[in-house]
Protein backbone atom coordinates (compact mmCIF):
# COMPACT_ATOMS: atom_id res chain seq x y z
CA MET A 1 65.44 77.62 213.16
CA ILE A 2 68.74 79.48 213.42
CA TYR A 3 69.42 81.98 210.64
CA LYS A 4 72.54 81.37 208.56
CA PRO A 5 73.62 83.88 205.92
CA PRO A 6 73.90 82.55 202.38
CA LYS A 7 77.39 81.33 201.55
CA SER A 8 77.22 82.32 197.88
CA VAL A 9 75.34 84.60 195.53
CA VAL A 10 73.68 81.51 194.02
CA GLU A 11 72.35 80.51 197.45
CA LEU A 12 71.10 84.08 198.06
CA LEU A 13 69.24 84.08 194.73
CA LEU A 14 67.71 80.66 195.40
CA ARG A 15 66.53 81.72 198.85
CA TYR A 16 65.14 84.98 197.43
CA ALA A 17 63.31 83.01 194.71
CA SER A 18 61.77 80.80 197.40
CA GLY A 19 60.36 83.85 199.21
CA GLU A 20 63.03 84.87 201.71
CA ARG A 21 63.53 88.65 201.67
CA THR A 22 65.70 89.54 204.67
CA PHE A 23 69.40 88.75 204.59
CA SER A 24 71.83 89.68 207.37
CA ASP A 25 75.61 89.59 207.58
CA VAL A 26 76.05 88.73 203.89
CA ASN A 27 79.34 89.42 202.12
CA LEU A 28 78.80 90.21 198.43
CA ASP A 29 82.37 91.06 197.46
CA ASN A 30 82.56 91.78 193.70
CA GLU A 31 79.59 89.51 192.96
CA ASP A 32 77.74 90.20 189.70
CA LEU A 33 73.99 90.70 190.19
CA SER A 34 73.48 92.68 186.99
CA GLY A 35 69.86 92.72 185.81
CA VAL A 36 68.60 90.60 188.71
CA ASN A 37 65.19 91.29 190.26
CA LEU A 38 65.64 91.78 194.02
CA GLU A 39 62.59 93.96 194.59
CA GLY A 40 61.86 94.38 198.29
CA ILE A 41 65.06 92.71 199.49
CA VAL A 42 66.39 93.69 202.91
CA PHE A 43 70.13 93.67 203.52
CA ARG A 44 71.15 94.13 207.19
CA ARG A 45 74.76 94.59 208.30
CA CYS A 46 76.01 93.38 204.93
CA TYR A 47 79.26 94.13 203.10
CA LEU A 48 78.35 95.02 199.52
CA THR A 49 80.85 95.75 196.75
CA ALA A 50 78.65 93.98 194.23
CA ILE A 51 77.61 94.87 190.70
CA PHE A 52 73.88 95.66 190.66
CA ARG A 53 73.95 97.24 187.20
CA GLY A 54 70.43 97.32 185.73
CA ALA A 55 69.05 95.35 188.71
CA CYS A 56 65.58 95.90 190.13
CA LEU A 57 66.08 97.01 193.74
CA LYS A 58 62.74 98.80 194.10
CA ASP A 59 61.79 99.07 197.79
CA ALA A 60 65.12 97.51 198.80
CA VAL A 61 66.49 98.23 202.26
CA PHE A 62 70.21 98.54 202.93
CA GLU A 63 70.28 98.84 206.72
CA GLU A 64 73.60 99.42 208.48
CA CYS A 65 75.46 98.05 205.46
CA ASN A 66 78.93 98.81 204.21
CA VAL A 67 78.30 99.77 200.56
CA LYS A 68 81.63 100.49 198.88
CA SER A 69 82.40 100.74 195.18
CA ALA A 70 79.08 99.08 194.38
CA ASP A 71 77.81 99.53 190.83
CA PHE A 72 74.15 100.64 190.73
CA ARG A 73 74.30 102.12 187.21
CA GLU A 74 70.92 101.89 185.45
CA ALA A 75 69.44 100.11 188.50
CA ASP A 76 65.87 100.66 189.68
CA LEU A 77 66.32 102.00 193.21
CA ARG A 78 62.86 103.56 193.52
CA ASP A 79 61.87 103.93 197.17
CA ALA A 80 65.02 102.13 198.37
CA SER A 81 66.54 103.03 201.75
CA PHE A 82 70.19 103.19 202.79
CA SER A 83 69.41 103.95 206.45
CA GLY A 84 72.48 103.89 208.68
CA SER A 85 74.72 102.54 205.92
CA SER A 86 78.26 103.62 205.08
CA ILE A 87 78.47 104.61 201.43
CA CYS A 88 81.70 105.16 199.50
CA ALA A 89 82.42 105.49 195.78
CA ILE A 90 79.16 103.97 194.54
CA MET A 91 78.16 104.35 190.90
CA LEU A 92 74.64 105.68 190.31
CA GLU A 93 74.70 106.90 186.70
CA LYS A 94 71.27 106.53 185.07
CA ALA A 95 69.86 104.80 188.16
CA ASP A 96 66.24 105.59 189.03
CA LEU A 97 66.57 107.29 192.43
CA THR A 98 62.92 108.34 192.73
CA GLY A 99 62.02 108.28 196.41
CA VAL A 100 65.35 106.81 197.51
CA SER A 101 66.33 107.67 201.09
CA PHE A 102 69.85 108.16 202.40
CA ASP A 103 68.63 109.35 205.83
CA GLY A 104 71.25 108.57 208.45
CA ALA A 105 73.65 107.11 205.91
CA ARG A 106 77.31 108.07 206.15
CA TYR A 107 79.00 109.24 202.97
CA HIS A 108 82.75 109.81 203.41
CA SER A 109 82.25 110.49 207.14
CA HIS A 110 79.28 112.80 206.44
CA THR A 111 75.92 111.77 207.92
CA MET A 112 73.14 112.32 205.40
CA GLN A 113 70.16 114.38 206.55
CA GLU A 114 66.53 113.94 205.56
CA ASP A 115 65.94 114.66 201.85
CA GLU A 116 69.67 115.18 201.18
CA ILE A 117 70.99 113.60 198.00
CA LEU A 118 74.46 112.28 197.29
CA PRO A 119 76.87 114.70 195.59
CA LYS A 120 77.62 113.99 191.94
């Protein structure tokens, strides 16, 4: 079966609910995923400017994603990884960042090192 990225946030949520966890080449441009449980989701090469406010993203993987102006306020990002992603102007106020990894992520043309945290 040939993988096809979801064409809408509704399709992504339905596929997640049916057990799919890895999503590649998804464009979530200003989509509202506030309060949604996406624990363990894997985003690969995705463009994410979505609103994840209060969402559960525990153990989520953002691999080689473009994460710009995304709203993660009050989100559960425990043990999430942003490996190799480009990060710009994300909102993290009151997010649970316990164990989150930004190793290899680029923040305004700066490559994050092991155990480095984003500037406030």
